[in-house]
Amino acid sequence: LAAGLEHLSVPRLLTSRPGVITGAEFASFTVAAALLRYRRPAWAVVPLLAVVGAEGLRAHPESVVPVGGALLTWAHLLPAALWTGILFYVLRAAIAWRADPDAVRGLIRLYARAAAWLFAVVVVTGVVSALILVPLTDLFTTDYGRVLVVKAALVAVTAALALAGRMWLRHRPQPGAGPALATRLESGTLAAPS
């Protein structure tokens, strides 16, 4: 990385397929950020979808299973992005509505239903991607296999925090309490496996 940055050449970078894809992702993120800055969140969806599309073409499964690998990556990234985005939005709204515990509980209950389905899709597509890329016998003997084990552990911690947050729904919170600590921690651990 250091050597690559030392001799960085944007024109040379953009002549390779990975460079073009990285450039497209960077440009798409920049356009999305500008649209969000100018309060056009609905328009920002298109460049963000372009990022997911480009990432599907760049990801490891695509190199092993052409076309199918990209589809698998898209089926993994879109639900993961939705899960993360919905959670951050729900937490933001729950903190703003903390004076109305019933509204917060209702909002988190709606999130929990959607998150369960999104979680299932993320886990299934993640396991399939892992099996394509790393045979089970190499899981603990290769660097990439160990990265997958760490990611799986972070997803397990996130799932445990999600379950703890759902248990919070069974109790009547005090006004001003906001969302459960477990739900707030879930957002941090959810960002880590990405």
N, C-alpha and C. Protein backbone atom coordinates (compact mmCIF):
# COMPACT_ATOMS: atom_id res chain seq x y z
N LEU A 1 0.83 -1.20 0.00
CA LEU A 1 0.00 0.00 0.00
C LEU A 1 0.87 1.26 0.00
N ALA A 2 1.88 1.29 0.86
CA ALA A 2 2.75 2.46 0.94
C ALA A 2 3.47 2.68 -0.38
N ALA A 3 3.98 1.60 -0.99
CA ALA A 3 4.67 1.72 -2.27
C ALA A 3 3.72 2.19 -3.36
N GLY A 4 2.50 1.69 -3.32
CA GLY A 4 1.50 2.11 -4.31
C GLY A 4 1.15 3.57 -4.17
N LEU A 5 1.05 4.05 -2.95
CA LEU A 5 0.74 5.47 -2.73
C LEU A 5 1.92 6.36 -3.09
N GLU A 6 3.12 5.82 -2.91
CA GLU A 6 4.32 6.60 -3.22
C GLU A 6 4.41 6.91 -4.72
N HIS A 7 4.00 5.97 -5.54
CA HIS A 7 4.05 6.14 -7.00
C HIS A 7 2.65 6.23 -7.59
N LEU A 8 1.77 6.91 -6.88
CA LEU A 8 0.37 7.00 -7.30
C LEU A 8 0.23 7.77 -8.61
N SER A 9 -0.47 7.16 -9.53
CA SER A 9 -0.74 7.79 -10.82
C SER A 9 -2.21 7.54 -11.14
N VAL A 10 -3.02 8.57 -11.07
CA VAL A 10 -4.45 8.42 -11.32
C VAL A 10 -4.72 7.91 -12.73
N PRO A 11 -4.07 8.44 -13.77
CA PRO A 11 -4.32 7.89 -15.12
C PRO A 11 -3.98 6.40 -15.21
N ARG A 12 -2.86 6.00 -14.59
CA ARG A 12 -2.49 4.58 -14.62
C ARG A 12 -3.48 3.75 -13.81
N LEU A 13 -3.94 4.31 -12.68
CA LEU A 13 -4.92 3.61 -11.85
C LEU A 13 -6.20 3.35 -12.63
N LEU A 14 -6.63 4.31 -13.41
CA LEU A 14 -7.90 4.20 -14.13
C LEU A 14 -7.80 3.37 -15.40
N THR A 15 -6.64 2.79 -15.69
CA THR A 15 -6.52 1.91 -16.85
C THR A 15 -6.75 0.45 -16.47
N SER A 16 -6.80 0.14 -15.18
CA SER A 16 -7.05 -1.24 -14.75
C SER A 16 -8.51 -1.39 -14.35
N ARG A 17 -9.03 -2.61 -14.46
CA ARG A 17 -10.42 -2.88 -14.09
C ARG A 17 -10.68 -2.53 -12.62
N PRO A 18 -9.83 -3.00 -11.67
CA PRO A 18 -10.06 -2.62 -10.27
C PRO A 18 -10.00 -1.11 -10.05
N GLY A 19 -9.11 -0.44 -10.78
CA GLY A 19 -8.99 1.00 -10.65
C GLY A 19 -10.24 1.72 -11.14
N VAL A 20 -10.77 1.27 -12.27
CA VAL A 20 -11.99 1.87 -12.81
C VAL A 20 -13.15 1.66 -11.84
N ILE A 21 -13.25 0.44 -11.29
CA ILE A 21 -14.34 0.15 -10.35
C ILE A 21 -14.19 1.00 -9.09
N THR A 22 -12.98 1.12 -8.58
CA THR A 22 -12.74 1.96 -7.40
C THR A 22 -13.07 3.41 -7.70
N GLY A 23 -12.68 3.89 -8.88
CA GLY A 23 -13.00 5.26 -9.28
C GLY A 23 -14.50 5.48 -9.38
N ALA A 24 -15.21 4.49 -9.93
CA ALA A 24 -16.67 4.59 -10.03
C ALA A 24 -17.31 4.62 -8.65
N GLU A 25 -16.81 3.79 -7.73
CA GLU A 25 -17.33 3.80 -6.37
C GLU A 25 -17.09 5.14 -5.69
N PHE A 26 -15.87 5.67 -5.84
CA PHE A 26 -15.54 6.95 -5.23
C PHE A 26 -16.42 8.06 -5.79
N ALA A 27 -16.58 8.08 -7.11
CA ALA A 27 -17.43 9.10 -7.75
C ALA A 27 -18.88 8.96 -7.29
N SER A 28 -19.36 7.74 -7.18
CA SER A 28 -20.75 7.52 -6.75
C SER A 28 -20.96 7.97 -5.31
N PHE A 29 -20.00 7.65 -4.43
CA PHE A 29 -20.09 8.12 -3.05
C PHE A 29 -20.08 9.64 -2.99
N THR A 30 -19.24 10.26 -3.81
CA THR A 30 -19.14 11.72 -3.83
C THR A 30 -20.46 12.35 -4.28
N VAL A 31 -21.05 11.80 -5.33
CA VAL A 31 -22.34 12.32 -5.82
C VAL A 31 -23.41 12.12 -4.75
N ALA A 32 -23.45 10.94 -4.12
CA ALA A 32 -24.44 10.69 -3.07
C ALA A 32 -24.26 11.66 -1.91
N ALA A 33 -23.02 11.91 -1.51
CA ALA A 33 -22.77 12.85 -0.41
C ALA A 33 -23.23 14.25 -0.77
N ALA A 34 -22.99 14.66 -2.01
CA ALA A 34 -23.43 15.99 -2.45
C ALA A 34 -24.96 16.07 -2.45
N LEU A 35 -25.61 15.03 -2.93
CA LEU A 35 -27.08 15.03 -2.95
C LEU A 35 -27.64 15.06 -1.52
N LEU A 36 -27.02 14.34 -0.62
CA LEU A 36 -27.46 14.38 0.78
C LEU A 36 -27.22 15.75 1.39
N ARG A 37 -26.11 16.35 1.03
CA ARG A 37 -25.79 17.70 1.55
C ARG A 37 -26.84 18.71 1.09
N TYR A 38 -27.32 18.53 -0.14
CA TYR A 38 -28.33 19.45 -0.68
C TYR A 38 -29.75 18.96 -0.42
N ARG A 39 -29.88 18.07 0.56
CA ARG A 39 -31.17 17.57 1.04
C ARG A 39 -32.01 16.92 -0.06
N ARG A 40 -31.37 16.06 -0.81
CA ARG A 40 -32.02 15.26 -1.84
C ARG A 40 -31.78 13.77 -1.58
N PRO A 41 -32.23 13.26 -0.43
CA PRO A 41 -31.91 11.87 -0.08
C PRO A 41 -32.49 10.85 -1.05
N ALA A 42 -33.65 11.12 -1.62
CA ALA A 42 -34.23 10.16 -2.56
C ALA A 42 -33.35 10.02 -3.80
N TRP A 43 -32.75 11.10 -4.24
CA TRP A 43 -31.87 11.05 -5.41
C TRP A 43 -30.55 10.35 -5.10
N ALA A 44 -30.15 10.37 -3.85
CA ALA A 44 -28.88 9.75 -3.46
C ALA A 44 -28.93 8.23 -3.54
N VAL A 45 -30.11 7.66 -3.64
CA VAL A 45 -30.24 6.20 -3.71
C VAL A 45 -29.56 5.66 -4.97
N VAL A 46 -29.71 6.35 -6.09
CA VAL A 46 -29.15 5.85 -7.35
C VAL A 46 -27.63 5.73 -7.29
N PRO A 47 -26.89 6.77 -6.90
CA PRO A 47 -25.44 6.57 -6.83
C PRO A 47 -25.02 5.54 -5.77
N LEU A 48 -25.80 5.42 -4.70
CA LEU A 48 -25.45 4.41 -3.69
C LEU A 48 -25.69 3.00 -4.24
N LEU A 49 -26.73 2.83 -5.05
CA LEU A 49 -26.93 1.53 -5.71
C LEU A 49 -25.80 1.26 -6.70
N ALA A 50 -25.28 2.31 -7.33
CA ALA A 50 -24.15 2.14 -8.24
C ALA A 50 -22.92 1.63 -7.47
N VAL A 51 -22.75 2.08 -6.23
CA VAL A 51 -21.63 1.59 -5.40
C VAL A 51 -21.79 0.10 -5.16
N VAL A 52 -23.00 -0.33 -4.79
CA VAL A 52 -23.24 -1.76 -4.55
C VAL A 52 -23.01 -2.55 -5.84
N GLY A 53 -23.48 -2.01 -6.96
CA GLY A 53 -23.27 -2.68 -8.25
C GLY A 53 -21.79 -2.83 -8.58
N ALA A 54 -21.04 -1.77 -8.39
CA ALA A 54 -19.60 -1.82 -8.66
C ALA A 54 -18.89 -2.78 -7.72
N GLU A 55 -19.30 -2.79 -6.46
CA GLU A 55 -18.67 -3.68 -5.49
C GLU A 55 -18.93 -5.14 -5.85
N GLY A 56 -20.11 -5.43 -6.38
CA GLY A 56 -20.41 -6.78 -6.81
C GLY A 56 -19.48 -7.25 -7.92
N LEU A 57 -19.09 -6.32 -8.80
CA LEU A 57 -18.17 -6.66 -9.89
C LEU A 57 -16.73 -6.80 -9.39
N ARG A 58 -16.42 -6.16 -8.27
CA ARG A 58 -15.06 -6.16 -7.74
C ARG A 58 -14.82 -7.26 -6.71
N ALA A 59 -15.88 -7.75 -6.10
CA ALA A 59 -15.76 -8.65 -4.95
C ALA A 59 -15.16 -10.00 -5.32
N HIS A 60 -14.67 -10.70 -4.31
CA HIS A 60 -14.00 -11.99 -4.50
C HIS A 60 -14.87 -13.06 -5.15
N PRO A 61 -16.16 -13.22 -4.77
CA PRO A 61 -16.94 -14.28 -5.41
C PRO A 61 -17.04 -14.12 -6.93
N GLU A 62 -17.01 -12.90 -7.42
CA GLU A 62 -17.09 -12.66 -8.87
C GLU A 62 -15.90 -13.27 -9.59
N SER A 63 -14.74 -13.27 -8.96
CA SER A 63 -13.55 -13.84 -9.60
C SER A 63 -13.61 -15.36 -9.65
N VAL A 64 -14.35 -15.97 -8.74
CA VAL A 64 -14.45 -17.43 -8.71
C VAL A 64 -15.62 -17.92 -9.55
N VAL A 65 -16.76 -17.26 -9.44
CA VAL A 65 -17.97 -17.63 -10.17
C VAL A 65 -18.45 -16.39 -10.93
N PRO A 66 -18.00 -16.19 -12.17
CA PRO A 66 -18.42 -15.00 -12.91
C PRO A 66 -19.95 -14.89 -13.00
N VAL A 67 -20.45 -13.72 -12.95
CA VAL A 67 -21.86 -13.33 -12.95
C VAL A 67 -22.56 -13.80 -11.66
N GLY A 68 -22.50 -15.08 -11.36
CA GLY A 68 -23.12 -15.59 -10.13
C GLY A 68 -22.49 -14.99 -8.89
N GLY A 69 -21.18 -14.76 -8.93
CA GLY A 69 -20.50 -14.15 -7.80
C GLY A 69 -20.96 -12.72 -7.57
N ALA A 70 -21.15 -11.98 -8.66
CA ALA A 70 -21.65 -10.60 -8.54
C ALA A 70 -23.07 -10.60 -7.99
N LEU A 71 -23.91 -11.48 -8.50
CA LEU A 71 -25.29 -11.57 -8.00
C LEU A 71 -25.32 -11.92 -6.52
N LEU A 72 -24.47 -12.85 -6.13
CA LEU A 72 -24.39 -13.24 -4.72
C LEU A 72 -23.93 -12.06 -3.86
N THR A 73 -22.94 -11.32 -4.33
CA THR A 73 -22.46 -10.16 -3.59
C THR A 73 -23.56 -9.12 -3.47
N TRP A 74 -24.29 -8.86 -4.55
CA TRP A 74 -25.39 -7.88 -4.49
C TRP A 74 -26.46 -8.34 -3.51
N ALA A 75 -26.76 -9.66 -3.53
CA ALA A 75 -27.77 -10.20 -2.62
C ALA A 75 -27.30 -10.16 -1.17
N HIS A 76 -26.01 -10.03 -0.96
CA HIS A 76 -25.44 -9.92 0.39
C HIS A 76 -25.35 -8.46 0.83
N LEU A 77 -24.87 -7.60 -0.06
CA LEU A 77 -24.63 -6.20 0.31
C LEU A 77 -25.91 -5.38 0.47
N LEU A 78 -26.88 -5.58 -0.41
CA LEU A 78 -28.10 -4.77 -0.32
C LEU A 78 -28.84 -4.98 1.00
N PRO A 79 -29.08 -6.23 1.41
CA PRO A 79 -29.73 -6.40 2.73
C PRO A 79 -28.87 -5.90 3.88
N ALA A 80 -27.55 -6.06 3.78
CA ALA A 80 -26.66 -5.57 4.85
C ALA A 80 -26.75 -4.04 4.94
N ALA A 81 -26.77 -3.38 3.80
CA ALA A 81 -26.89 -1.91 3.80
C ALA A 81 -28.25 -1.47 4.32
N LEU A 82 -29.30 -2.19 3.92
CA LEU A 82 -30.63 -1.85 4.42
C LEU A 82 -30.72 -2.06 5.93
N TRP A 83 -30.20 -3.17 6.41
CA TRP A 83 -30.22 -3.48 7.83
C TRP A 83 -29.52 -2.38 8.61
N THR A 84 -28.32 -2.02 8.17
CA THR A 84 -27.55 -0.99 8.85
C THR A 84 -28.25 0.36 8.78
N GLY A 85 -28.71 0.73 7.59
CA GLY A 85 -29.38 2.02 7.42
C GLY A 85 -30.64 2.15 8.23
N ILE A 86 -31.45 1.09 8.23
CA ILE A 86 -32.70 1.12 9.00
C ILE A 86 -32.39 1.23 10.49
N LEU A 87 -31.39 0.49 10.95
CA LEU A 87 -31.03 0.55 12.36
C LEU A 87 -30.59 1.95 12.78
N PHE A 88 -29.72 2.57 11.98
CA PHE A 88 -29.28 3.92 12.32
C PHE A 88 -30.45 4.91 12.32
N TYR A 89 -31.35 4.77 11.37
CA TYR A 89 -32.51 5.65 11.31
C TYR A 89 -33.41 5.44 12.53
N VAL A 90 -33.65 4.17 12.87
CA VAL A 90 -34.50 3.85 14.03
C VAL A 90 -33.88 4.39 15.32
N LEU A 91 -32.57 4.23 15.48
CA LEU A 91 -31.91 4.75 16.68
C LEU A 91 -32.02 6.27 16.76
N ARG A 92 -31.83 6.92 15.63
CA ARG A 92 -31.94 8.38 15.60
C ARG A 92 -33.36 8.82 15.97
N ALA A 93 -34.35 8.15 15.39
CA ALA A 93 -35.74 8.49 15.70
C ALA A 93 -36.08 8.14 17.15
N ALA A 94 -35.59 7.00 17.64
CA ALA A 94 -35.89 6.58 19.00
C ALA A 94 -35.31 7.55 20.02
N ILE A 95 -34.13 8.07 19.74
CA ILE A 95 -33.54 9.05 20.66
C ILE A 95 -34.36 10.33 20.63
N ALA A 96 -34.79 10.73 19.44
CA ALA A 96 -35.60 11.95 19.33
C ALA A 96 -36.97 11.78 20.01
N TRP A 97 -37.50 10.56 19.99
CA TRP A 97 -38.83 10.29 20.56
C TRP A 97 -38.76 9.71 21.97
N ARG A 98 -37.63 9.80 22.63
CA ARG A 98 -37.46 9.13 23.92
C ARG A 98 -38.48 9.55 24.97
N ALA A 99 -39.12 10.68 24.80
CA ALA A 99 -40.16 11.11 25.76
C ALA A 99 -41.43 10.29 25.61
N ASP A 100 -41.56 9.55 24.50
CA ASP A 100 -42.75 8.72 24.25
C ASP A 100 -42.33 7.26 24.12
N PRO A 101 -42.20 6.55 25.24
CA PRO A 101 -41.69 5.16 25.21
C PRO A 101 -42.52 4.22 24.35
N ASP A 102 -43.84 4.45 24.28
CA ASP A 102 -44.67 3.56 23.46
C ASP A 102 -44.32 3.72 21.98
N ALA A 103 -44.07 4.94 21.55
CA ALA A 103 -43.68 5.18 20.15
C ALA A 103 -42.33 4.53 19.86
N VAL A 104 -41.39 4.64 20.81
CA VAL A 104 -40.06 4.03 20.62
C VAL A 104 -40.20 2.52 20.53
N ARG A 105 -40.97 1.92 21.40
CA ARG A 105 -41.16 0.46 21.37
C ARG A 105 -41.80 0.03 20.06
N GLY A 106 -42.79 0.78 19.59
CA GLY A 106 -43.44 0.44 18.32
C GLY A 106 -42.46 0.52 17.16
N LEU A 107 -41.64 1.55 17.16
CA LEU A 107 -40.65 1.73 16.10
C LEU A 107 -39.63 0.59 16.12
N ILE A 108 -39.15 0.24 17.30
CA ILE A 108 -38.16 -0.84 17.39
C ILE A 108 -38.80 -2.19 17.05
N ARG A 109 -40.05 -2.35 17.38
CA ARG A 109 -40.76 -3.59 17.02
C ARG A 109 -40.84 -3.72 15.50
N LEU A 110 -41.16 -2.63 14.80
CA LEU A 110 -41.20 -2.66 13.33
C LEU A 110 -39.81 -2.98 12.76
N TYR A 111 -38.80 -2.34 13.34
CA TYR A 111 -37.43 -2.61 12.90
C TYR A 111 -37.07 -4.08 13.10
N ALA A 112 -37.45 -4.64 14.24
CA ALA A 112 -37.08 -6.02 14.57
C ALA A 112 -37.62 -6.99 13.54
N ARG A 113 -38.83 -6.77 13.06
CA ARG A 113 -39.41 -7.67 12.03
C ARG A 113 -38.61 -7.60 10.75
N ALA A 114 -38.31 -6.39 10.29
CA ALA A 114 -37.54 -6.25 9.05
C ALA A 114 -36.12 -6.78 9.23
N ALA A 115 -35.52 -6.49 10.37
CA ALA A 115 -34.13 -6.90 10.61
C ALA A 115 -33.99 -8.42 10.63
N ALA A 116 -34.98 -9.12 11.12
CA ALA A 116 -34.90 -10.58 11.17
C ALA A 116 -34.76 -11.17 9.76
N TRP A 117 -35.55 -10.65 8.82
CA TRP A 117 -35.47 -11.14 7.44
C TRP A 117 -34.16 -10.71 6.78
N LEU A 118 -33.77 -9.48 7.00
CA LEU A 118 -32.52 -8.99 6.42
C LEU A 118 -31.32 -9.76 6.98
N PHE A 119 -31.34 -10.02 8.28
CA PHE A 119 -30.29 -10.80 8.93
C PHE A 119 -30.18 -12.18 8.30
N ALA A 120 -31.32 -12.84 8.09
CA ALA A 120 -31.32 -14.18 7.51
C ALA A 120 -30.68 -14.17 6.11
N VAL A 121 -31.03 -13.20 5.29
CA VAL A 121 -30.47 -13.12 3.94
C VAL A 121 -28.97 -12.84 4.00
N VAL A 122 -28.56 -11.93 4.87
CA VAL A 122 -27.14 -11.60 5.01
C VAL A 122 -26.34 -12.83 5.45
N VAL A 123 -26.85 -13.56 6.41
CA VAL A 123 -26.13 -14.74 6.91
C VAL A 123 -26.05 -15.82 5.84
N VAL A 124 -27.16 -16.11 5.18
CA VAL A 124 -27.16 -17.18 4.16
C VAL A 124 -26.22 -16.82 3.01
N THR A 125 -26.32 -15.60 2.49
CA THR A 125 -25.45 -15.22 1.37
C THR A 125 -23.99 -15.12 1.82
N GLY A 126 -23.76 -14.71 3.07
CA GLY A 126 -22.40 -14.67 3.59
C GLY A 126 -21.79 -16.05 3.71
N VAL A 127 -22.58 -17.01 4.18
CA VAL A 127 -22.08 -18.39 4.30
C VAL A 127 -21.79 -18.97 2.92
N VAL A 128 -22.69 -18.73 1.96
CA VAL A 128 -22.46 -19.25 0.60
C VAL A 128 -21.20 -18.62 0.01
N SER A 129 -21.03 -17.31 0.17
CA SER A 129 -19.82 -16.65 -0.32
C SER A 129 -18.57 -17.23 0.32
N ALA A 130 -18.63 -17.45 1.63
CA ALA A 130 -17.48 -18.01 2.34
C ALA A 130 -17.14 -19.41 1.83
N LEU A 131 -18.16 -20.22 1.61
CA LEU A 131 -17.92 -21.59 1.12
C LEU A 131 -17.35 -21.59 -0.29
N ILE A 132 -17.73 -20.60 -1.10
CA ILE A 132 -17.17 -20.49 -2.45
C ILE A 132 -15.69 -20.12 -2.38
N LEU A 133 -15.36 -19.23 -1.48
CA LEU A 133 -14.01 -18.67 -1.43
C LEU A 133 -13.00 -19.49 -0.63
N VAL A 134 -13.47 -20.09 0.46
CA VAL A 134 -12.54 -20.79 1.35
C VAL A 134 -13.12 -22.16 1.72
N PRO A 135 -12.46 -23.22 1.32
CA PRO A 135 -12.92 -24.54 1.76
C PRO A 135 -12.85 -24.64 3.29
N LEU A 136 -13.74 -25.42 3.87
CA LEU A 136 -13.78 -25.54 5.34
C LEU A 136 -12.43 -25.97 5.92
N THR A 137 -11.70 -26.79 5.18
CA THR A 137 -10.39 -27.24 5.69
C THR A 137 -9.39 -26.10 5.78
N ASP A 138 -9.60 -25.03 5.03
CA ASP A 138 -8.67 -23.89 5.03
C ASP A 138 -9.14 -22.73 5.90
N LEU A 139 -10.23 -22.91 6.61
CA LEU A 139 -10.82 -21.81 7.36
C LEU A 139 -9.88 -21.22 8.41
N PHE A 140 -9.13 -22.07 9.09
CA PHE A 140 -8.24 -21.59 10.16
C PHE A 140 -6.77 -21.55 9.73
N THR A 141 -6.49 -21.96 8.50
CA THR A 141 -5.10 -22.01 8.06
C THR A 141 -4.74 -20.92 7.05
N THR A 142 -5.73 -20.16 6.58
CA THR A 142 -5.45 -19.06 5.65
C THR A 142 -5.85 -17.73 6.30
N ASP A 143 -5.19 -16.68 5.86
CA ASP A 143 -5.51 -15.35 6.40
C ASP A 143 -6.96 -14.98 6.10
N TYR A 144 -7.40 -15.23 4.87
CA TYR A 144 -8.77 -14.87 4.52
C TYR A 144 -9.77 -15.71 5.32
N GLY A 145 -9.44 -16.97 5.56
CA GLY A 145 -10.30 -17.82 6.38
C GLY A 145 -10.44 -17.28 7.79
N ARG A 146 -9.33 -16.83 8.36
CA ARG A 146 -9.37 -16.26 9.71
C ARG A 146 -10.17 -14.94 9.73
N VAL A 147 -10.06 -14.15 8.67
CA VAL A 147 -10.88 -12.93 8.57
C VAL A 147 -12.36 -13.30 8.57
N LEU A 148 -12.70 -14.34 7.84
CA LEU A 148 -14.11 -14.78 7.81
C LEU A 148 -14.57 -15.26 9.18
N VAL A 149 -13.71 -15.92 9.93
CA VAL A 149 -14.06 -16.37 11.28
C VAL A 149 -14.31 -15.15 12.18
N VAL A 150 -13.47 -14.13 12.07
CA VAL A 150 -13.66 -12.92 12.87
C VAL A 150 -14.97 -12.23 12.48
N LYS A 151 -15.24 -12.15 11.17
CA LYS A 151 -16.49 -11.54 10.71
C LYS A 151 -17.70 -12.32 11.24
N ALA A 152 -17.60 -13.64 11.22
CA ALA A 152 -18.70 -14.47 11.73
C ALA A 152 -18.90 -14.23 13.22
N ALA A 153 -17.81 -14.08 13.96
CA ALA A 153 -17.93 -13.80 15.39
C ALA A 153 -18.58 -12.44 15.63
N LEU A 154 -18.23 -11.43 14.85
CA LEU A 154 -18.85 -10.11 14.98
C LEU A 154 -20.34 -10.16 14.64
N VAL A 155 -20.70 -10.94 13.63
CA VAL A 155 -22.12 -11.09 13.29
C VAL A 155 -22.85 -11.80 14.42
N ALA A 156 -22.22 -12.79 15.05
CA ALA A 156 -22.84 -13.48 16.18
C ALA A 156 -23.05 -12.53 17.36
N VAL A 157 -22.06 -11.66 17.63
CA VAL A 157 -22.20 -10.67 18.71
C VAL A 157 -23.34 -9.70 18.37
N THR A 158 -23.39 -9.27 17.11
CA THR A 158 -24.47 -8.38 16.68
C THR A 158 -25.83 -9.04 16.86
N ALA A 159 -25.93 -10.31 16.50
CA ALA A 159 -27.19 -11.03 16.66
C ALA A 159 -27.57 -11.14 18.14
N ALA A 160 -26.59 -11.41 19.00
CA ALA A 160 -26.87 -11.49 20.44
C ALA A 160 -27.36 -10.15 20.98
N LEU A 161 -26.73 -9.06 20.53
CA LEU A 161 -27.17 -7.73 20.96
C LEU A 161 -28.57 -7.42 20.43
N ALA A 162 -28.85 -7.86 19.21
CA ALA A 162 -30.19 -7.67 18.65
C ALA A 162 -31.23 -8.41 19.48
N LEU A 163 -30.91 -9.63 19.87
CA LEU A 163 -31.84 -10.39 20.71
C LEU A 163 -32.03 -9.72 22.08
N ALA A 164 -30.95 -9.21 22.65
CA ALA A 164 -31.05 -8.50 23.93
C ALA A 164 -31.91 -7.25 23.77
N GLY A 165 -31.77 -6.57 22.65
CA GLY A 165 -32.60 -5.39 22.38
C GLY A 165 -34.07 -5.76 22.25
N ARG A 166 -34.35 -6.92 21.67
CA ARG A 166 -35.74 -7.36 21.53
C ARG A 166 -36.34 -7.74 22.89
N MET A 167 -35.50 -8.26 23.77
CA MET A 167 -35.98 -8.59 25.12
C MET A 167 -36.37 -7.31 25.86
N TRP A 168 -35.66 -6.21 25.55
CA TRP A 168 -35.98 -4.91 26.14
C TRP A 168 -37.41 -4.52 25.79
N LEU A 169 -37.89 -4.96 24.64
CA LEU A 169 -39.26 -4.61 24.21
C LEU A 169 -40.31 -5.18 25.16
N ARG A 170 -39.95 -6.24 25.90
CA ARG A 170 -40.91 -6.85 26.82
C ARG A 170 -41.11 -6.03 28.10
N HIS A 171 -40.17 -5.14 28.39
CA HIS A 171 -40.24 -4.31 29.59
C HIS A 171 -40.74 -2.92 29.23
N ARG A 172 -41.37 -2.31 30.17
CA ARG A 172 -41.89 -0.95 29.95
C ARG A 172 -40.81 0.06 30.34
N PRO A 173 -40.21 0.73 29.35
CA PRO A 173 -39.15 1.70 29.67
C PRO A 173 -39.73 2.98 30.25
N GLN A 174 -38.89 3.68 30.96
CA GLN A 174 -39.28 4.97 31.53
C GLN A 174 -39.23 6.04 30.43
N PRO A 175 -40.10 7.05 30.53
CA PRO A 175 -40.00 8.15 29.58
C PRO A 175 -38.61 8.79 29.62
N GLY A 176 -38.09 9.07 28.47
CA GLY A 176 -36.77 9.68 28.37
C GLY A 176 -35.64 8.66 28.28
N ALA A 177 -35.95 7.36 28.41
CA ALA A 177 -34.91 6.33 28.38
C ALA A 177 -34.34 6.11 26.99
N GLY A 178 -35.14 6.27 25.95
CA GLY A 178 -34.67 6.01 24.59
C GLY A 178 -34.50 4.52 24.35
N PRO A 179 -33.80 4.15 23.28
CA PRO A 179 -33.63 2.74 22.96
C PRO A 179 -32.70 2.04 23.95
N ALA A 180 -32.79 0.73 23.99
CA ALA A 180 -31.95 -0.06 24.90
C ALA A 180 -30.48 0.11 24.54
N LEU A 181 -29.62 -0.01 25.54
CA LEU A 181 -28.18 0.05 25.32
C LEU A 181 -27.76 -1.03 24.31
N ALA A 182 -28.35 -2.21 24.42
CA ALA A 182 -28.01 -3.30 23.50
C ALA A 182 -28.31 -2.91 22.06
N THR A 183 -29.40 -2.21 21.83
CA THR A 183 -29.75 -1.78 20.47
C THR A 183 -28.75 -0.74 19.98
N ARG A 184 -28.32 0.14 20.85
CA ARG A 184 -27.31 1.13 20.45
C ARG A 184 -25.96 0.46 20.16
N LEU A 185 -25.59 -0.52 20.96
CA LEU A 185 -24.34 -1.25 20.71
C LEU A 185 -24.42 -2.07 19.43
N GLU A 186 -25.62 -2.57 19.14
CA GLU A 186 -25.82 -3.35 17.92
C GLU A 186 -25.39 -2.56 16.69
N SER A 187 -25.69 -1.26 16.68
CA SER A 187 -25.33 -0.46 15.51
C SER A 187 -23.82 -0.39 15.32
N GLY A 188 -23.07 -0.32 16.41
CA GLY A 188 -21.61 -0.28 16.30
C GLY A 188 -21.03 -1.59 15.84
N THR A 189 -21.53 -2.69 16.38
CA THR A 189 -20.99 -3.99 15.97
C THR A 189 -21.45 -4.37 14.57
N LEU A 190 -22.60 -3.85 14.16
CA LEU A 190 -23.08 -4.15 12.81
C LEU A 190 -22.18 -3.51 11.75
N ALA A 191 -21.63 -2.36 12.06
CA ALA A 191 -20.74 -1.68 11.11
C ALA A 191 -19.39 -2.40 10.99
N ALA A 192 -18.94 -3.09 12.02
CA ALA A 192 -17.62 -3.69 12.03
C ALA A 192 -17.43 -4.79 10.99
N PRO A 193 -18.37 -5.76 10.79
CA PRO A 193 -18.10 -6.83 9.83
C PRO A 193 -18.05 -6.36 8.38
N SER A 194 -18.56 -5.18 8.12
CA SER A 194 -18.57 -4.70 6.76
C SER A 194 -17.16 -4.48 6.30
